[in-house]
């Protein structure tokens, strides 16, 4: 493949040393879609499949230096942000993305781990909203993240729409609320539903089979990274979300028993169904 045909995707996120989430999951996902992966580390977390036990956050200078070095040398087709835990780190990231704009930016507002570890405080979350949401192509919170951002409890689809409208009012042009934590209304066939809202009042629902398994570590990171890759490859946002949700469903289906907690999803080796090649 000629170098000008290679799509370069960048992850700006934390490091999960157990490899299930964060930058490592992003790199694996970018690669699965045939994109070249670049990354800037924002935090080094102390975690495994059983939980998050702490983190060391890189300072703004370190984050800025990584992003600048990549941006000066590589043509980034799309980028995503994940865990950025401090106000200074978020500000540095936003400054770099203003100085070096990317065609597409997926903001995954990682605020709390599945095990209940708070990854970002309220002041940093406000900075994330103020400085990164307006730069984004799409913001991809799960139910708990949407609840915290919108300041409301989500019990069902009515509240999902209210939360989405609130997030759109904060500067996000599109918001994808992942409904995997909601109970399915379909009693005959359990489904997982994600909801994509845009600033024009439209909503599209993406539905897939709900797979009952504990191999769910890294689903949010992987979905956001897959959307990033598919946007880089030229898909419209709706199509990028559709392909990415299918990708994550297969990754959950192919989950592997690694560790003693929530095992990681497993990127399928057979990528023929992806529809992007």
C-alpha atoms as a PDB file:
ATOM      1  CA  UNK A   1       0.000   0.000   0.000  1.00  0.00           C
ATOM      2  CA  UNK A   2       1.317   3.428  -0.933  1.00  0.00           C
ATOM      3  CA  UNK A   3       2.094   5.674   2.022  1.00  0.00           C
ATOM      4  CA  UNK A   4      -0.507   8.242   0.947  1.00  0.00           C
ATOM      5  CA  UNK A   5      -3.173   5.536   1.140  1.00  0.00           C
ATOM      6  CA  UNK A   6      -2.415   4.668   4.754  1.00  0.00           C
ATOM      7  CA  UNK A   7      -4.889   6.174   7.210  1.00  0.00           C
ATOM      8  CA  UNK A   8      -3.233   7.160  10.467  1.00  0.00           C
ATOM      9  CA  UNK A   9      -5.356   7.170  13.611  1.00  0.00           C
ATOM     10  CA  UNK A  10      -4.205   8.589  16.947  1.00  0.00           C
ATOM     11  CA  UNK A  11      -5.286   7.649  20.451  1.00  0.00           C
ATOM     12  CA  UNK A  12      -4.854  10.154  23.290  1.00  0.00           C
ATOM     13  CA  UNK A  13      -5.685   8.090  26.338  1.00  0.00           C
ATOM     14  CA  UNK A  14      -4.498   6.130  29.356  1.00  0.00           C
ATOM     15  CA  UNK A  15      -2.467   2.935  29.506  1.00  0.00           C
ATOM     16  CA  UNK A  16      -4.103  -0.230  30.822  1.00  0.00           C
ATOM     17  CA  UNK A  17      -1.111  -2.501  31.573  1.00  0.00           C
ATOM     18  CA  UNK A  18      -3.302  -5.613  31.339  1.00  0.00           C
ATOM     19  CA  UNK A  19      -3.987  -4.762  27.695  1.00  0.00           C
ATOM     20  CA  UNK A  20      -7.778  -4.876  27.685  1.00  0.00           C
ATOM     21  CA  UNK A  21      -8.631  -1.200  27.471  1.00  0.00           C
ATOM     22  CA  UNK A  22      -7.098   2.214  26.877  1.00  0.00           C
ATOM     23  CA  UNK A  23      -4.361   2.849  24.362  1.00  0.00           C
ATOM     24  CA  UNK A  24      -3.526  -0.826  23.848  1.00  0.00           C
ATOM     25  CA  UNK A  25      -7.138  -1.630  22.926  1.00  0.00           C
ATOM     26  CA  UNK A  26      -7.194   1.396  20.621  1.00  0.00           C
ATOM     27  CA  UNK A  27      -4.024   0.349  18.820  1.00  0.00           C
ATOM     28  CA  UNK A  28      -5.327  -3.183  18.307  1.00  0.00           C
ATOM     29  CA  UNK A  29      -8.590  -1.813  16.940  1.00  0.00           C
ATOM     30  CA  UNK A  30      -6.984   0.686  14.566  1.00  0.00           C
ATOM     31  CA  UNK A  31      -4.780  -2.117  13.259  1.00  0.00           C
ATOM     32  CA  UNK A  32      -7.736  -4.472  12.765  1.00  0.00           C
ATOM     33  CA  UNK A  33      -9.250  -1.941  10.374  1.00  0.00           C
ATOM     34  CA  UNK A  34      -6.027  -1.553   8.422  1.00  0.00           C
ATOM     35  CA  UNK A  35      -5.090   1.819   9.882  1.00  0.00           C
ATOM     36  CA  UNK A  36      -1.693   2.835  11.221  1.00  0.00           C
ATOM     37  CA  UNK A  37      -1.798   3.576  14.952  1.00  0.00           C
ATOM     38  CA  UNK A  38      -0.179   6.453  16.830  1.00  0.00           C
ATOM     39  CA  UNK A  39      -0.724   7.296  20.492  1.00  0.00           C
ATOM     40  CA  UNK A  40      -0.077   9.740  23.303  1.00  0.00           C
ATOM     41  CA  UNK A  41      -0.239   8.419  26.866  1.00  0.00           C
ATOM     42  CA  UNK A  42      -2.122  10.634  29.332  1.00  0.00           C
ATOM     43  CA  UNK A  43      -2.109   8.397  32.418  1.00  0.00           C
ATOM     44  CA  UNK A  44      -0.540   5.151  33.531  1.00  0.00           C
ATOM     45  CA  UNK A  45      -3.207   3.194  35.365  1.00  0.00           C
ATOM     46  CA  UNK A  46      -2.705   0.369  37.809  1.00  0.00           C
ATOM     47  CA  UNK A  47      -5.381  -2.057  36.720  1.00  0.00           C
ATOM     48  CA  UNK A  48      -6.190  -5.549  35.577  1.00  0.00           C
ATOM     49  CA  UNK A  49      -9.369  -7.452  34.793  1.00  0.00           C
ATOM     50  CA  UNK A  50     -10.565  -7.194  38.412  1.00  0.00           C
ATOM     51  CA  UNK A  51     -10.434  -3.410  38.740  1.00  0.00           C
ATOM     52  CA  UNK A  52      -8.520  -0.146  38.792  1.00  0.00           C
ATOM     53  CA  UNK A  53      -6.309   0.387  41.832  1.00  0.00           C
ATOM     54  CA  UNK A  54      -4.685   3.736  41.081  1.00  0.00           C
ATOM     55  CA  UNK A  55      -3.051   5.863  38.433  1.00  0.00           C
ATOM     56  CA  UNK A  56      -0.205   8.252  37.751  1.00  0.00           C
ATOM     57  CA  UNK A  57      -1.199  11.127  35.492  1.00  0.00           C
ATOM     58  CA  UNK A  58       1.292  12.644  33.087  1.00  0.00           C
ATOM     59  CA  UNK A  59       1.710  16.394  33.301  1.00  0.00           C
ATOM     60  CA  UNK A  60       0.588  18.801  30.588  1.00  0.00           C
ATOM     61  CA  UNK A  61       4.109  19.212  29.225  1.00  0.00           C
ATOM     62  CA  UNK A  62       4.472  15.456  28.689  1.00  0.00           C
ATOM     63  CA  UNK A  63       1.089  15.149  26.985  1.00  0.00           C
ATOM     64  CA  UNK A  64       1.695  18.203  24.828  1.00  0.00           C
ATOM     65  CA  UNK A  65       5.134  16.956  23.812  1.00  0.00           C
ATOM     66  CA  UNK A  66       3.830  13.582  22.660  1.00  0.00           C
ATOM     67  CA  UNK A  67       0.971  15.017  20.631  1.00  0.00           C
ATOM     68  CA  UNK A  68       3.101  17.723  19.054  1.00  0.00           C
ATOM     69  CA  UNK A  69       5.811  15.270  18.022  1.00  0.00           C
ATOM     70  CA  UNK A  70       3.249  13.071  16.269  1.00  0.00           C
ATOM     71  CA  UNK A  71       1.296  15.905  14.681  1.00  0.00           C
ATOM     72  CA  UNK A  72       4.400  17.581  13.252  1.00  0.00           C
ATOM     73  CA  UNK A  73       5.454  14.414  11.488  1.00  0.00           C
ATOM     74  CA  UNK A  74       2.333  12.393  10.646  1.00  0.00           C
ATOM     75  CA  UNK A  75      -0.861  13.248   8.800  1.00  0.00           C
ATOM     76  CA  UNK A  76      -3.583  12.174  11.223  1.00  0.00           C
ATOM     77  CA  UNK A  77      -6.801  11.097   9.501  1.00  0.00           C
ATOM     78  CA  UNK A  78      -8.776  10.776  12.748  1.00  0.00           C
ATOM     79  CA  UNK A  79      -8.136  10.862  16.483  1.00  0.00           C
ATOM     80  CA  UNK A  80      -9.878   9.800  19.656  1.00  0.00           C
ATOM     81  CA  UNK A  81      -9.509  10.856  23.254  1.00  0.00           C
ATOM     82  CA  UNK A  82     -10.085   8.542  26.166  1.00  0.00           C
ATOM     83  CA  UNK A  83      -9.039   8.945  29.772  1.00  0.00           C
ATOM     84  CA  UNK A  84      -7.562  12.398  30.392  1.00  0.00           C
ATOM     85  CA  UNK A  85      -7.763  12.875  34.124  1.00  0.00           C
ATOM     86  CA  UNK A  86      -6.590  16.421  34.869  1.00  0.00           C
ATOM     87  CA  UNK A  87      -7.643  19.929  33.905  1.00  0.00           C
ATOM     88  CA  UNK A  88      -4.118  20.730  32.711  1.00  0.00           C
ATOM     89  CA  UNK A  89      -3.947  17.552  30.633  1.00  0.00           C
ATOM     90  CA  UNK A  90      -7.286  18.249  28.983  1.00  0.00           C
ATOM     91  CA  UNK A  91      -6.312  21.847  28.303  1.00  0.00           C
ATOM     92  CA  UNK A  92      -3.008  20.767  26.754  1.00  0.00           C
ATOM     93  CA  UNK A  93      -4.814  18.235  24.557  1.00  0.00           C
ATOM     94  CA  UNK A  94      -7.351  20.812  23.400  1.00  0.00           C
ATOM     95  CA  UNK A  95      -4.593  23.322  22.626  1.00  0.00           C
ATOM     96  CA  UNK A  96      -2.758  20.769  20.496  1.00  0.00           C
ATOM     97  CA  UNK A  97      -5.941  19.804  18.653  1.00  0.00           C
ATOM     98  CA  UNK A  98      -6.635  23.475  17.988  1.00  0.00           C
ATOM     99  CA  UNK A  99      -3.090  23.983  16.704  1.00  0.00           C
ATOM    100  CA  UNK A 100      -3.167  20.756  14.679  1.00  0.00           C
ATOM    101  CA  UNK A 101      -6.829  20.148  13.711  1.00  0.00           C
ATOM    102  CA  UNK A 102      -7.810  16.626  12.691  1.00  0.00           C
ATOM    103  CA  UNK A 103     -10.608  15.820  10.208  1.00  0.00           C
ATOM    104  CA  UNK A 104     -12.460  13.689  12.775  1.00  0.00           C
ATOM    105  CA  UNK A 105     -12.290  13.577  16.567  1.00  0.00           C
ATOM    106  CA  UNK A 106     -14.090  10.987  18.706  1.00  0.00           C
ATOM    107  CA  UNK A 107     -14.301  12.037  22.361  1.00  0.00           C
ATOM    108  CA  UNK A 108     -14.872   9.082  24.680  1.00  0.00           C
ATOM    109  CA  UNK A 109     -15.530  10.781  28.054  1.00  0.00           C
ATOM    110  CA  UNK A 110     -14.010   8.163  30.332  1.00  0.00           C
ATOM    111  CA  UNK A 111     -14.965   9.296  33.828  1.00  0.00           C
ATOM    112  CA  UNK A 112     -15.365   6.134  35.892  1.00  0.00           C
ATOM    113  CA  UNK A 113     -14.192   2.547  35.615  1.00  0.00           C
ATOM    114  CA  UNK A 114     -16.608  -0.376  35.593  1.00  0.00           C
ATOM    115  CA  UNK A 115     -15.292  -1.345  39.028  1.00  0.00           C
ATOM    116  CA  UNK A 116     -16.293   2.051  40.422  1.00  0.00           C
ATOM    117  CA  UNK A 117     -12.960   3.899  40.409  1.00  0.00           C
ATOM    118  CA  UNK A 118     -13.413   7.619  39.688  1.00  0.00           C
ATOM    119  CA  UNK A 119     -11.012   8.569  36.904  1.00  0.00           C
ATOM    120  CA  UNK A 120     -11.758  12.300  36.702  1.00  0.00           C
ATOM    121  CA  UNK A 121     -12.989  14.951  39.147  1.00  0.00           C
ATOM    122  CA  UNK A 122     -15.779  17.453  38.563  1.00  0.00           C
ATOM    123  CA  UNK A 123     -13.480  20.347  37.631  1.00  0.00           C
ATOM    124  CA  UNK A 124     -11.661  18.256  35.039  1.00  0.00           C
ATOM    125  CA  UNK A 125     -14.966  17.010  33.643  1.00  0.00           C
ATOM    126  CA  UNK A 126     -16.137  20.601  33.186  1.00  0.00           C
ATOM    127  CA  UNK A 127     -12.907  21.385  31.337  1.00  0.00           C
ATOM    128  CA  UNK A 128     -13.419  18.322  29.150  1.00  0.00           C
ATOM    129  CA  UNK A 129     -16.921  19.484  28.275  1.00  0.00           C
ATOM    130  CA  UNK A 130     -15.899  23.075  27.626  1.00  0.00           C
ATOM    131  CA  UNK A 131     -12.749  22.411  25.610  1.00  0.00           C
ATOM    132  CA  UNK A 132     -13.086  19.036  23.890  1.00  0.00           C
ATOM    133  CA  UNK A 133     -16.798  18.643  23.172  1.00  0.00           C
ATOM    134  CA  UNK A 134     -16.827  21.576  20.692  1.00  0.00           C
ATOM    135  CA  UNK A 135     -13.859  20.057  18.824  1.00  0.00           C
ATOM    136  CA  UNK A 136     -15.470  16.641  18.512  1.00  0.00           C
ATOM    137  CA  UNK A 137     -17.188  14.852  15.666  1.00  0.00           C
ATOM    138  CA  UNK A 138     -19.036  12.669  18.151  1.00  0.00           C
ATOM    139  CA  UNK A 139     -19.018  12.139  21.931  1.00  0.00           C
ATOM    140  CA  UNK A 140     -19.524   8.517  23.064  1.00  0.00           C
ATOM    141  CA  UNK A 141     -20.597   8.209  26.718  1.00  0.00           C
ATOM    142  CA  UNK A 142     -22.030   5.059  28.243  1.00  0.00           C
ATOM    143  CA  UNK A 143     -25.068   5.254  30.528  1.00  0.00           C
ATOM    144  CA  UNK A 144     -23.115   6.107  33.690  1.00  0.00           C
ATOM    145  CA  UNK A 145     -20.994   8.698  31.904  1.00  0.00           C
ATOM    146  CA  UNK A 146     -24.049  10.301  30.323  1.00  0.00           C
ATOM    147  CA  UNK A 147     -25.715  10.457  33.735  1.00  0.00           C
ATOM    148  CA  UNK A 148     -22.773  12.280  35.257  1.00  0.00           C
ATOM    149  CA  UNK A 149     -22.313  14.668  32.335  1.00  0.00           C
ATOM    150  CA  UNK A 150     -26.022  15.502  32.055  1.00  0.00           C
ATOM    151  CA  UNK A 151     -26.611  15.497  35.814  1.00  0.00           C
ATOM    152  CA  UNK A 152     -29.574  13.139  35.710  1.00  0.00           C
ATOM    153  CA  UNK A 153     -30.522   9.520  36.263  1.00  0.00           C
ATOM    154  CA  UNK A 154     -31.152   7.403  33.183  1.00  0.00           C
ATOM    155  CA  UNK A 155     -33.753   4.666  33.646  1.00  0.00           C
ATOM    156  CA  UNK A 156     -34.813   4.179  30.043  1.00  0.00           C
ATOM    157  CA  UNK A 157     -34.964   5.605  26.557  1.00  0.00           C
ATOM    158  CA  UNK A 158     -36.890   8.737  27.546  1.00  0.00           C
ATOM    159  CA  UNK A 159     -34.072   9.789  29.847  1.00  0.00           C
ATOM    160  CA  UNK A 160     -31.477   8.807  27.246  1.00  0.00           C
ATOM    161  CA  UNK A 161     -32.973  11.345  24.860  1.00  0.00           C
ATOM    162  CA  UNK A 162     -33.058  14.037  27.550  1.00  0.00           C
ATOM    163  CA  UNK A 163     -29.443  13.363  28.461  1.00  0.00           C
ATOM    164  CA  UNK A 164     -28.426  13.429  24.801  1.00  0.00           C
ATOM    165  CA  UNK A 165     -30.116  16.780  24.265  1.00  0.00           C
ATOM    166  CA  UNK A 166     -28.330  18.146  27.305  1.00  0.00           C
ATOM    167  CA  UNK A 167     -24.954  16.943  26.013  1.00  0.00           C
ATOM    168  CA  UNK A 168     -25.646  18.388  22.568  1.00  0.00           C
ATOM    169  CA  UNK A 169     -26.341  21.733  24.248  1.00  0.00           C
ATOM    170  CA  UNK A 170     -22.846  21.569  25.746  1.00  0.00           C
ATOM    171  CA  UNK A 171     -21.220  21.860  22.319  1.00  0.00           C
ATOM    172  CA  UNK A 172     -21.106  18.288  21.046  1.00  0.00           C
ATOM    173  CA  UNK A 173     -22.340  18.108  17.418  1.00  0.00           C
ATOM    174  CA  UNK A 174     -23.299  14.436  17.789  1.00  0.00           C
ATOM    175  CA  UNK A 175     -23.638  12.141  20.784  1.00  0.00           C
ATOM    176  CA  UNK A 176     -23.736   8.353  20.880  1.00  0.00           C
ATOM    177  CA  UNK A 177     -25.108   7.073  24.177  1.00  0.00           C
ATOM    178  CA  UNK A 178     -24.211   3.450  24.614  1.00  0.00           C
ATOM    179  CA  UNK A 179     -27.140   1.567  26.117  1.00  0.00           C
ATOM    180  CA  UNK A 180     -25.418  -1.674  26.979  1.00  0.00           C
ATOM    181  CA  UNK A 181     -26.117  -1.125  30.678  1.00  0.00           C
ATOM    182  CA  UNK A 182     -29.869  -0.749  30.103  1.00  0.00           C
ATOM    183  CA  UNK A 183     -32.170  -3.726  30.465  1.00  0.00           C
ATOM    184  CA  UNK A 184     -33.544  -4.928  27.146  1.00  0.00           C
ATOM    185  CA  UNK A 185     -37.249  -4.372  26.491  1.00  0.00           C
ATOM    186  CA  UNK A 186     -37.338  -7.410  24.226  1.00  0.00           C
ATOM    187  CA  UNK A 187     -38.082 -10.390  26.440  1.00  0.00           C
ATOM    188  CA  UNK A 188     -37.819 -12.912  23.597  1.00  0.00           C
ATOM    189  CA  UNK A 189     -34.418 -11.823  22.343  1.00  0.00           C
ATOM    190  CA  UNK A 190     -32.166  -9.719  24.553  1.00  0.00           C
ATOM    191  CA  UNK A 191     -30.604  -6.832  22.650  1.00  0.00           C
ATOM    192  CA  UNK A 192     -28.078  -4.068  23.284  1.00  0.00           C
ATOM    193  CA  UNK A 193     -29.148  -0.689  21.894  1.00  0.00           C
ATOM    194  CA  UNK A 194     -27.019   2.389  21.233  1.00  0.00           C
ATOM    195  CA  UNK A 195     -28.520   5.785  20.397  1.00  0.00           C
ATOM    196  CA  UNK A 196     -26.971   8.321  18.035  1.00  0.00           C
ATOM    197  CA  UNK A 197     -28.352  11.864  18.294  1.00  0.00           C
ATOM    198  CA  UNK A 198     -27.387  14.826  16.143  1.00  0.00           C
ATOM    199  CA  UNK A 199     -27.905  18.542  16.481  1.00  0.00           C
ATOM    200  CA  UNK A 200     -30.739  18.510  13.930  1.00  0.00           C
ATOM    201  CA  UNK A 201     -33.023  16.503  16.180  1.00  0.00           C
ATOM    202  CA  UNK A 202     -32.498  13.150  14.464  1.00  0.00           C
ATOM    203  CA  UNK A 203     -31.859   9.912  16.301  1.00  0.00           C
ATOM    204  CA  UNK A 204     -30.747   6.542  14.980  1.00  0.00           C
ATOM    205  CA  UNK A 205     -30.888   3.387  17.068  1.00  0.00           C
ATOM    206  CA  UNK A 206     -28.312   0.628  16.595  1.00  0.00           C
ATOM    207  CA  UNK A 207     -29.335  -2.764  17.904  1.00  0.00           C
ATOM    208  CA  UNK A 208     -27.336  -5.940  18.302  1.00  0.00           C
ATOM    209  CA  UNK A 209     -27.581  -9.230  20.126  1.00  0.00           C
ATOM    210  CA  UNK A 210     -26.887  -8.954  23.854  1.00  0.00           C
ATOM    211  CA  UNK A 211     -24.242 -11.540  24.654  1.00  0.00           C
ATOM    212  CA  UNK A 212     -24.279 -12.681  28.281  1.00  0.00           C
ATOM    213  CA  UNK A 213     -20.630 -12.917  29.312  1.00  0.00           C
ATOM    214  CA  UNK A 214     -18.129 -11.393  31.697  1.00  0.00           C
ATOM    215  CA  UNK A 215     -15.712 -10.801  28.789  1.00  0.00           C
ATOM    216  CA  UNK A 216     -16.598  -7.125  28.447  1.00  0.00           C
ATOM    217  CA  UNK A 217     -13.405  -5.353  29.493  1.00  0.00           C
ATOM    218  CA  UNK A 218     -12.540  -2.683  26.925  1.00  0.00           C
ATOM    219  CA  UNK A 219     -15.855  -2.478  25.070  1.00  0.00           C
ATOM    220  CA  UNK A 220     -16.160   1.309  25.315  1.00  0.00           C
ATOM    221  CA  UNK A 221     -12.600   2.025  24.240  1.00  0.00           C
ATOM    222  CA  UNK A 222     -12.839  -0.435  21.376  1.00  0.00           C
ATOM    223  CA  UNK A 223     -16.126   0.965  20.084  1.00  0.00           C
ATOM    224  CA  UNK A 224     -14.801   4.545  20.102  1.00  0.00           C
ATOM    225  CA  UNK A 225     -11.566   3.440  18.424  1.00  0.00           C
ATOM    226  CA  UNK A 226     -13.481   1.506  15.763  1.00  0.00           C
ATOM    227  CA  UNK A 227     -15.619   4.559  15.015  1.00  0.00           C
ATOM    228  CA  UNK A 228     -12.426   6.602  14.737  1.00  0.00           C
ATOM    229  CA  UNK A 229     -10.908   4.142  12.267  1.00  0.00           C
ATOM    230  CA  UNK A 230     -14.046   3.962  10.151  1.00  0.00           C
ATOM    231  CA  UNK A 231     -14.347   7.743   9.972  1.00  0.00           C
ATOM    232  CA  UNK A 232     -10.711   7.834   8.846  1.00  0.00           C
ATOM    233  CA  UNK A 233     -11.553   5.285   6.168  1.00  0.00           C
ATOM    234  CA  UNK A 234     -14.241   7.558   4.777  1.00  0.00           C
ATOM    235  CA  UNK A 235     -17.473   6.181   6.200  1.00  0.00           C
ATOM    236  CA  UNK A 236     -20.280   8.529   7.181  1.00  0.00           C
ATOM    237  CA  UNK A 237     -20.870   8.711  10.936  1.00  0.00           C
ATOM    238  CA  UNK A 238     -24.002   6.519  10.862  1.00  0.00           C
ATOM    239  CA  UNK A 239     -22.194   3.839   8.884  1.00  0.00           C
ATOM    240  CA  UNK A 240     -19.072   4.108  11.044  1.00  0.00           C
ATOM    241  CA  UNK A 241     -21.167   3.488  14.167  1.00  0.00           C
ATOM    242  CA  UNK A 242     -23.023   0.579  12.553  1.00  0.00           C
ATOM    243  CA  UNK A 243     -19.859  -1.206  11.431  1.00  0.00           C
ATOM    244  CA  UNK A 244     -18.152  -0.498  14.759  1.00  0.00           C
ATOM    245  CA  UNK A 245     -21.025  -1.880  16.817  1.00  0.00           C
ATOM    246  CA  UNK A 246     -20.959  -5.075  14.760  1.00  0.00           C
ATOM    247  CA  UNK A 247     -17.199  -5.249  15.301  1.00  0.00           C
ATOM    248  CA  UNK A 248     -17.550  -4.924  19.089  1.00  0.00           C
ATOM    249  CA  UNK A 249     -20.353  -7.498  19.198  1.00  0.00           C
ATOM    250  CA  UNK A 250     -18.083 -10.004  17.477  1.00  0.00           C
ATOM    251  CA  UNK A 251     -15.219  -9.054  19.807  1.00  0.00           C
ATOM    252  CA  UNK A 252     -17.462  -9.762  22.809  1.00  0.00           C
ATOM    253  CA  UNK A 253     -18.578 -13.039  21.249  1.00  0.00           C
ATOM    254  CA  UNK A 254     -14.920 -13.991  20.811  1.00  0.00           C
ATOM    255  CA  UNK A 255     -13.905 -12.918  24.324  1.00  0.00           C
ATOM    256  CA  UNK A 256     -11.179 -14.941  25.956  1.00  0.00           C
ATOM    257  CA  UNK A 257     -10.846 -16.159  29.548  1.00  0.00           C
ATOM    258  CA  UNK A 258      -7.915 -14.019  30.636  1.00  0.00           C
ATOM    259  CA  UNK A 259      -7.523 -12.941  34.251  1.00  0.00           C
ATOM    260  CA  UNK A 260      -9.793 -13.376  37.268  1.00  0.00           C
ATOM    261  CA  UNK A 261     -12.330 -10.606  36.657  1.00  0.00           C
ATOM    262  CA  UNK A 262     -14.023  -9.155  33.604  1.00  0.00           C
ATOM    263  CA  UNK A 263     -12.045 -10.721  30.782  1.00  0.00           C
ATOM    264  CA  UNK A 264     -11.168  -8.566  27.774  1.00  0.00           C
ATOM    265  CA  UNK A 265     -13.033  -8.690  24.526  1.00  0.00           C
ATOM    266  CA  UNK A 266     -11.033 -10.255  21.730  1.00  0.00           C
ATOM    267  CA  UNK A 267     -10.515  -8.622  18.340  1.00  0.00           C
ATOM    268  CA  UNK A 268     -11.687 -11.138  15.704  1.00  0.00           C
ATOM    269  CA  UNK A 269      -8.997 -12.458  13.391  1.00  0.00           C
ATOM    270  CA  UNK A 270     -11.427 -12.689  10.477  1.00  0.00           C
ATOM    271  CA  UNK A 271     -12.099  -9.097   9.486  1.00  0.00           C
ATOM    272  CA  UNK A 272     -13.875  -9.929   6.234  1.00  0.00           C
ATOM    273  CA  UNK A 273     -17.265  -8.887   7.596  1.00  0.00           C
ATOM    274  CA  UNK A 274     -16.116  -5.383   8.454  1.00  0.00           C
ATOM    275  CA  UNK A 275     -17.266  -3.977   5.150  1.00  0.00           C
ATOM    276  CA  UNK A 276     -14.478  -1.392   4.881  1.00  0.00           C
ATOM    277  CA  UNK A 277     -11.944  -3.203   2.727  1.00  0.00           C
END
